[in-house]
Protein backbone atom coordinates (compact mmCIF):
# COMPACT_ATOMS: atom_id res chain seq x y z
CA UNK A 1 -30.89 -21.34 17.81
CA UNK A 2 -30.98 -24.64 15.98
CA UNK A 3 -33.78 -26.93 17.09
CA UNK A 4 -33.06 -30.29 15.34
CA UNK A 5 -30.03 -32.46 15.72
CA UNK A 6 -29.20 -31.87 12.05
CA UNK A 7 -29.39 -28.12 12.43
CA UNK A 8 -27.16 -28.19 15.57
CA UNK A 9 -24.56 -30.25 13.73
CA UNK A 10 -24.61 -27.93 10.67
CA UNK A 11 -24.23 -24.91 12.94
CA UNK A 12 -21.26 -26.53 14.63
CA UNK A 13 -19.70 -27.39 11.30
CA UNK A 14 -20.28 -23.88 9.98
CA UNK A 15 -18.47 -22.50 13.02
CA UNK A 16 -15.52 -24.82 12.55
CA UNK A 17 -15.31 -24.02 8.82
CA UNK A 18 -15.55 -20.33 9.46
CA UNK A 19 -12.61 -20.47 11.88
CA UNK A 20 -10.56 -22.45 9.33
CA UNK A 21 -11.40 -19.99 6.54
CA UNK A 22 -10.44 -17.09 8.74
CA UNK A 23 -7.06 -18.68 9.44
CA UNK A 24 -6.45 -19.21 5.71
CA UNK A 25 -7.55 -15.62 4.93
CA UNK A 26 -5.12 -14.36 7.51
CA UNK A 27 -2.31 -16.47 6.04
CA UNK A 28 -3.06 -14.89 2.63
CA UNK A 29 -2.85 -11.35 4.03
CA UNK A 30 0.44 -12.21 5.80
CA UNK A 31 1.94 -13.56 2.55
CA UNK A 32 0.92 -10.35 0.67
CA UNK A 33 2.36 -8.11 3.45
CA UNK A 34 5.65 -9.99 3.31
CA UNK A 35 6.04 -9.15 -0.35
CA UNK A 36 5.04 -5.53 0.14
CA UNK A 37 7.56 -5.26 2.95
CA UNK A 38 10.31 -6.70 0.77
CA UNK A 39 9.37 -4.25 -2.03
CA UNK A 40 9.50 -1.37 0.35
CA UNK A 41 12.95 -2.49 1.60
CA UNK A 42 14.18 -2.10 -1.95
CA UNK A 43 15.78 -5.51 -2.41
CA UNK A 44 14.55 -6.82 -5.69
CA UNK A 45 16.01 -10.29 -5.39
CA UNK A 46 14.49 -10.79 -1.94
CA UNK A 47 11.12 -9.42 -3.13
CA UNK A 48 11.18 -11.84 -6.08
CA UNK A 49 11.88 -14.82 -3.84
CA UNK A 50 9.20 -13.87 -1.33
CA UNK A 51 6.75 -13.25 -4.22
CA UNK A 52 7.38 -16.73 -5.62
CA UNK A 53 6.62 -18.29 -2.22
CA UNK A 54 3.49 -16.15 -1.70
CA UNK A 55 2.15 -17.00 -5.18
CA UNK A 56 1.65 -20.59 -4.13
CA UNK A 57 -0.16 -19.49 -0.95
CA UNK A 58 -2.45 -17.13 -2.98
CA UNK A 59 -3.20 -19.84 -5.56
CA UNK A 60 -3.94 -22.55 -2.95
CA UNK A 61 -6.36 -20.30 -1.09
CA UNK A 62 -8.11 -19.40 -4.36
CA UNK A 63 -8.38 -23.05 -5.24
CA UNK A 64 -10.14 -23.64 -1.92
CA UNK A 65 -12.55 -20.76 -2.86
CA UNK A 66 -11.70 -18.71 0.14
CA UNK A 67 -11.15 -15.80 -2.28
CA UNK A 68 -12.26 -15.60 -5.88
CA UNK A 69 -9.71 -16.61 -8.54
CA UNK A 70 -9.86 -13.20 -10.13
CA UNK A 71 -9.00 -11.53 -6.80
CA UNK A 72 -5.97 -13.91 -6.50
CA UNK A 73 -4.90 -13.01 -10.03
CA UNK A 74 -5.27 -9.27 -9.29
CA UNK A 75 -3.11 -9.55 -6.17
CA UNK A 76 -0.41 -11.50 -7.99
CA UNK A 77 -0.46 -9.05 -10.93
CA UNK A 78 -0.14 -6.00 -8.77
CA UNK A 79 2.69 -7.43 -6.72
CA UNK A 80 4.49 -8.67 -9.88
CA UNK A 81 4.13 -5.21 -11.44
CA UNK A 82 5.51 -3.55 -8.28
CA UNK A 83 8.54 -5.83 -8.31
CA UNK A 84 9.17 -5.17 -12.04
CA UNK A 85 8.93 -1.41 -11.39
CA UNK A 86 11.77 -1.57 -8.86
CA UNK A 87 14.99 0.04 -10.00
């Protein structure tokens, strides 16, 4: 346990930031799942519109360094390729 006032404050801030980052990571996963669900439904137009919305979510979370920028790019690339592969 933290002994000094500074260490107690940093521990409290770390807990608060961890909770915030967890929320953002959950938001990211939800955005990705929405696109996957639209792809599985087979509606290319709907999948494209959901993908466009989720792209901004993925980028904003990567900008905040919750995930690495390369991981964000990989997610966007795979989702985009899946949409393009739809008949």
